[in-house]
Amino acid sequence: MLSRSPLESLNKKKYDFLLYLLEEGDAMVCLDSRHPEVDVPANEKNNSSLNLVFNLNFRRPIKITEEGIFATLAFSGRPYKCTLPFDAVWAIYDPNMKNGQVWDESIPEDMNLAEQVMETGKPPLKSVKSSGKPAKEPKTEGKRDRSHLRVIK
């Protein structure tokens, strides 16, 4: 039996989680577009936090493999054939349910994640169980809602 390298195993987790979310609807993929294998429009290439929404009902086909996402996406109304390796992906979440996963080891070293959330106002991510299914909503009765991301290791 062949064993997977740690990187292959990590990419398999990202692949599995993305497919799980896409079965339910939308999936937001957060990636570092500066990664050398990422192919996006030049004006998006220097973004450590490029956020792209995917849905299986897109007009153009999306190819998702354990290596990454290959799709023609619209940027400012113009189509662009993108290559998005899972090596560059650091978070995937459901923008409607606010369930997601962050891969700590994939977050760009020069990016302050807490600062990023405060600046962008992105919805908080909640942790997921290792099964890939969303964790139960924590009880927030009587508590103030605070935006945050939980890192899954």
C-alpha atoms as a PDB file:
ATOM      1  CA  MET A   1       0.000   0.000   0.000  1.00  0.00           C
ATOM      2  CA  LEU A   2       1.334   3.412  -0.959  1.00  0.00           C
ATOM      3  CA  SER A   3       1.354   6.069   1.729  1.00  0.00           C
ATOM      4  CA  ARG A   4       0.619   9.706   0.989  1.00  0.00           C
ATOM      5  CA  SER A   5       3.092  12.487   1.676  1.00  0.00           C
ATOM      6  CA  PRO A   6       1.914  15.077   4.232  1.00  0.00           C
ATOM      7  CA  LEU A   7       1.300  17.585   1.404  1.00  0.00           C
ATOM      8  CA  GLU A   8      -0.773  15.095  -0.615  1.00  0.00           C
ATOM      9  CA  SER A   9      -2.758  14.246   2.502  1.00  0.00           C
ATOM     10  CA  LEU A  10      -3.423  17.937   3.218  1.00  0.00           C
ATOM     11  CA  ASN A  11      -4.540  18.556  -0.375  1.00  0.00           C
ATOM     12  CA  LYS A  12      -6.854  15.499  -0.170  1.00  0.00           C
ATOM     13  CA  LYS A  13      -8.516  17.040   2.923  1.00  0.00           C
ATOM     14  CA  LYS A  14      -9.035  20.331   1.064  1.00  0.00           C
ATOM     15  CA  TYR A  15     -10.405  18.458  -1.965  1.00  0.00           C
ATOM     16  CA  ASP A  16     -12.799  16.383   0.164  1.00  0.00           C
ATOM     17  CA  PHE A  17     -14.037  19.398   2.124  1.00  0.00           C
ATOM     18  CA  LEU A  18     -14.616  21.463  -1.031  1.00  0.00           C
ATOM     19  CA  LEU A  19     -16.635  18.646  -2.607  1.00  0.00           C
ATOM     20  CA  TYR A  20     -18.649  18.274   0.604  1.00  0.00           C
ATOM     21  CA  LEU A  21     -19.593  21.986   0.573  1.00  0.00           C
ATOM     22  CA  LEU A  22     -20.340  22.014  -3.159  1.00  0.00           C
ATOM     23  CA  GLU A  23     -22.848  19.178  -2.670  1.00  0.00           C
ATOM     24  CA  GLU A  24     -24.795  21.622  -0.473  1.00  0.00           C
ATOM     25  CA  GLY A  25     -24.386  24.763  -2.632  1.00  0.00           C
ATOM     26  CA  ASP A  26     -21.801  27.565  -2.609  1.00  0.00           C
ATOM     27  CA  ALA A  27     -18.220  27.288  -1.412  1.00  0.00           C
ATOM     28  CA  MET A  28     -15.867  30.206  -0.790  1.00  0.00           C
ATOM     29  CA  VAL A  29     -12.225  29.349  -1.439  1.00  0.00           C
ATOM     30  CA  CYS A  30      -9.552  31.576   0.142  1.00  0.00           C
ATOM     31  CA  LEU A  31      -6.114  31.334  -1.418  1.00  0.00           C
ATOM     32  CA  ASP A  32      -2.781  33.057  -1.773  1.00  0.00           C
ATOM     33  CA  SER A  33      -2.716  34.099  -5.439  1.00  0.00           C
ATOM     34  CA  ARG A  34       1.011  34.863  -5.178  1.00  0.00           C
ATOM     35  CA  HIS A  35       1.742  31.112  -5.201  1.00  0.00           C
ATOM     36  CA  PRO A  36       3.815  30.412  -8.352  1.00  0.00           C
ATOM     37  CA  GLU A  37       1.389  27.803  -9.728  1.00  0.00           C
ATOM     38  CA  VAL A  38      -1.721  30.002  -9.358  1.00  0.00           C
ATOM     39  CA  ASP A  39      -2.965  31.396 -12.675  1.00  0.00           C
ATOM     40  CA  VAL A  40      -5.398  34.308 -12.245  1.00  0.00           C
ATOM     41  CA  PRO A  41      -5.652  37.735 -13.930  1.00  0.00           C
ATOM     42  CA  ALA A  42      -2.581  39.939 -13.367  1.00  0.00           C
ATOM     43  CA  ASN A  43      -4.521  42.431 -11.222  1.00  0.00           C
ATOM     44  CA  GLU A  44      -5.367  39.581  -8.776  1.00  0.00           C
ATOM     45  CA  LYS A  45      -1.907  37.956  -8.734  1.00  0.00           C
ATOM     46  CA  ASN A  46      -0.529  39.845  -5.697  1.00  0.00           C
ATOM     47  CA  ASN A  47      -3.354  38.964  -3.290  1.00  0.00           C
ATOM     48  CA  SER A  48      -2.586  36.835  -0.215  1.00  0.00           C
ATOM     49  CA  SER A  49      -6.321  36.561   0.436  1.00  0.00           C
ATOM     50  CA  LEU A  50      -8.110  36.053  -2.881  1.00  0.00           C
ATOM     51  CA  ASN A  51     -11.661  34.861  -2.142  1.00  0.00           C
ATOM     52  CA  LEU A  52     -13.540  33.056  -4.903  1.00  0.00           C
ATOM     53  CA  VAL A  53     -17.058  31.604  -4.792  1.00  0.00           C
ATOM     54  CA  PHE A  54     -17.740  28.278  -6.508  1.00  0.00           C
ATOM     55  CA  ASN A  55     -20.977  26.463  -7.272  1.00  0.00           C
ATOM     56  CA  LEU A  56     -21.573  23.330  -9.321  1.00  0.00           C
ATOM     57  CA  ASN A  57     -24.310  25.171 -11.247  1.00  0.00           C
ATOM     58  CA  PHE A  58     -21.879  27.582 -12.941  1.00  0.00           C
ATOM     59  CA  ARG A  59     -22.400  27.950 -16.694  1.00  0.00           C
ATOM     60  CA  ARG A  60     -18.813  27.012 -17.447  1.00  0.00           C
ATOM     61  CA  PRO A  61     -17.472  23.656 -16.305  1.00  0.00           C
ATOM     62  CA  ILE A  62     -15.334  23.374 -13.181  1.00  0.00           C
ATOM     63  CA  LYS A  63     -12.735  20.644 -12.891  1.00  0.00           C
ATOM     64  CA  ILE A  64     -11.727  19.733  -9.335  1.00  0.00           C
ATOM     65  CA  THR A  65      -8.945  17.232  -8.728  1.00  0.00           C
ATOM     66  CA  GLU A  66      -6.835  16.411  -5.685  1.00  0.00           C
ATOM     67  CA  GLU A  67      -4.250  18.819  -7.138  1.00  0.00           C
ATOM     68  CA  GLY A  68      -6.549  21.835  -7.421  1.00  0.00           C
ATOM     69  CA  ILE A  69      -9.395  23.684  -9.093  1.00  0.00           C
ATOM     70  CA  PHE A  70      -9.408  24.413 -12.828  1.00  0.00           C
ATOM     71  CA  ALA A  71     -12.175  26.734 -13.986  1.00  0.00           C
ATOM     72  CA  THR A  72     -12.987  29.677 -16.216  1.00  0.00           C
ATOM     73  CA  LEU A  73     -14.122  32.437 -13.877  1.00  0.00           C
ATOM     74  CA  ALA A  74     -15.373  35.965 -14.513  1.00  0.00           C
ATOM     75  CA  PHE A  75     -13.297  38.874 -13.208  1.00  0.00           C
ATOM     76  CA  SER A  76     -14.939  42.267 -13.803  1.00  0.00           C
ATOM     77  CA  GLY A  77     -17.222  40.524 -16.307  1.00  0.00           C
ATOM     78  CA  ARG A  78     -14.330  39.045 -18.313  1.00  0.00           C
ATOM     79  CA  PRO A  79     -13.726  35.283 -18.396  1.00  0.00           C
ATOM     80  CA  TYR A  80     -10.320  33.962 -17.362  1.00  0.00           C
ATOM     81  CA  LYS A  81      -9.127  30.361 -17.321  1.00  0.00           C
ATOM     82  CA  CYS A  82      -7.818  29.882 -13.765  1.00  0.00           C
ATOM     83  CA  THR A  83      -5.530  27.300 -12.214  1.00  0.00           C
ATOM     84  CA  LEU A  84      -5.865  27.178  -8.425  1.00  0.00           C
ATOM     85  CA  PRO A  85      -3.673  24.506  -6.811  1.00  0.00           C
ATOM     86  CA  PHE A  86      -4.744  23.305  -3.366  1.00  0.00           C
ATOM     87  CA  ASP A  87      -1.204  24.157  -2.188  1.00  0.00           C
ATOM     88  CA  ALA A  88      -2.266  27.837  -2.351  1.00  0.00           C
ATOM     89  CA  VAL A  89      -5.649  27.328  -0.595  1.00  0.00           C
ATOM     90  CA  TRP A  90      -5.666  28.197   3.109  1.00  0.00           C
ATOM     91  CA  ALA A  91      -9.423  28.205   3.886  1.00  0.00           C
ATOM     92  CA  ILE A  92     -12.710  26.960   2.454  1.00  0.00           C
ATOM     93  CA  TYR A  93     -16.123  27.841   3.845  1.00  0.00           C
ATOM     94  CA  ASP A  94     -19.828  27.977   3.121  1.00  0.00           C
ATOM     95  CA  PRO A  95     -20.630  31.708   2.849  1.00  0.00           C
ATOM     96  CA  ASN A  96     -24.274  31.119   3.803  1.00  0.00           C
ATOM     97  CA  MET A  97     -23.919  28.823   6.796  1.00  0.00           C
ATOM     98  CA  LYS A  98     -20.582  30.233   7.982  1.00  0.00           C
ATOM     99  CA  ASN A  99     -19.135  26.755   8.458  1.00  0.00           C
ATOM    100  CA  GLY A 100     -15.636  26.265   7.218  1.00  0.00           C
ATOM    101  CA  GLN A 101     -12.125  25.120   7.713  1.00  0.00           C
ATOM    102  CA  VAL A 102      -8.801  26.933   7.910  1.00  0.00           C
ATOM    103  CA  TRP A 103      -5.525  25.113   7.325  1.00  0.00           C
ATOM    104  CA  ASP A 104      -3.005  26.816   9.615  1.00  0.00           C
ATOM    105  CA  GLU A 105       0.022  25.428   7.793  1.00  0.00           C
ATOM    106  CA  SER A 106      -1.232  26.916   4.487  1.00  0.00           C
ATOM    107  CA  ILE A 107      -1.806  30.497   5.695  1.00  0.00           C
ATOM    108  CA  PRO A 108       0.783  32.845   4.124  1.00  0.00           C
ATOM    109  CA  GLU A 109       3.472  33.702   6.677  1.00  0.00           C
ATOM    110  CA  ASP A 110       3.195  37.434   5.998  1.00  0.00           C
ATOM    111  CA  MET A 111      -0.573  37.534   6.553  1.00  0.00           C
ATOM    112  CA  ASN A 112      -2.121  38.417   9.910  1.00  0.00           C
ATOM    113  CA  LEU A 113      -5.354  36.426   9.819  1.00  0.00           C
ATOM    114  CA  ALA A 114      -7.033  38.266  12.693  1.00  0.00           C
ATOM    115  CA  GLU A 115      -6.237  41.610  11.072  1.00  0.00           C
ATOM    116  CA  GLN A 116      -7.563  40.318   7.731  1.00  0.00           C
ATOM    117  CA  VAL A 117     -10.933  39.421   9.284  1.00  0.00           C
ATOM    118  CA  MET A 118     -11.252  42.805  10.956  1.00  0.00           C
ATOM    119  CA  GLU A 119     -10.408  44.665   7.727  1.00  0.00           C
ATOM    120  CA  THR A 120     -12.583  42.645   5.373  1.00  0.00           C
ATOM    121  CA  GLY A 121     -15.513  42.025   7.695  1.00  0.00           C
ATOM    122  CA  LYS A 122     -15.733  38.465   6.364  1.00  0.00           C
ATOM    123  CA  PRO A 123     -18.109  36.198   8.290  1.00  0.00           C
ATOM    124  CA  PRO A 124     -16.603  34.018  11.030  1.00  0.00           C
ATOM    125  CA  LEU A 125     -15.638  30.437  10.295  1.00  0.00           C
ATOM    126  CA  LYS A 126     -16.589  27.681  12.670  1.00  0.00           C
ATOM    127  CA  SER A 127     -14.528  24.564  13.072  1.00  0.00           C
ATOM    128  CA  VAL A 128     -15.432  21.312  11.419  1.00  0.00           C
ATOM    129  CA  LYS A 129     -15.038  17.813  12.768  1.00  0.00           C
ATOM    130  CA  SER A 130     -12.371  15.681  11.159  1.00  0.00           C
ATOM    131  CA  SER A 131     -15.122  13.759   9.350  1.00  0.00           C
ATOM    132  CA  GLY A 132     -15.536  16.792   7.091  1.00  0.00           C
ATOM    133  CA  LYS A 133     -19.054  17.408   8.343  1.00  0.00           C
ATOM    134  CA  PRO A 134     -19.825  20.796   9.968  1.00  0.00           C
ATOM    135  CA  ALA A 135     -19.542  20.993  13.738  1.00  0.00           C
ATOM    136  CA  LYS A 136     -22.684  21.746  15.731  1.00  0.00           C
ATOM    137  CA  GLU A 137     -23.374  25.399  16.287  1.00  0.00           C
ATOM    138  CA  PRO A 138     -22.002  26.531  19.651  1.00  0.00           C
ATOM    139  CA  LYS A 139     -24.492  27.962  22.118  1.00  0.00           C
ATOM    140  CA  THR A 140     -24.291  31.734  22.001  1.00  0.00           C
ATOM    141  CA  GLU A 141     -27.311  32.529  24.156  1.00  0.00           C
ATOM    142  CA  GLY A 142     -26.604  35.668  26.100  1.00  0.00           C
ATOM    143  CA  LYS A 143     -23.201  36.156  24.461  1.00  0.00           C
ATOM    144  CA  ARG A 144     -22.223  38.902  22.070  1.00  0.00           C
ATOM    145  CA  ASP A 145     -21.445  37.671  18.540  1.00  0.00           C
ATOM    146  CA  ARG A 146     -17.776  38.273  17.757  1.00  0.00           C
ATOM    147  CA  SER A 147     -16.230  37.608  14.372  1.00  0.00           C
ATOM    148  CA  HIS A 148     -13.301  35.214  14.429  1.00  0.00           C
ATOM    149  CA  LEU A 149     -11.683  32.304  12.657  1.00  0.00           C
ATOM    150  CA  ARG A 150     -10.789  29.065  14.349  1.00  0.00           C
ATOM    151  CA  VAL A 151      -7.697  27.321  13.059  1.00  0.00           C
ATOM    152  CA  ILE A 152      -7.912  23.569  12.526  1.00  0.00           C
ATOM    153  CA  LYS A 153      -4.598  21.744  12.899  1.00  0.00           C
END
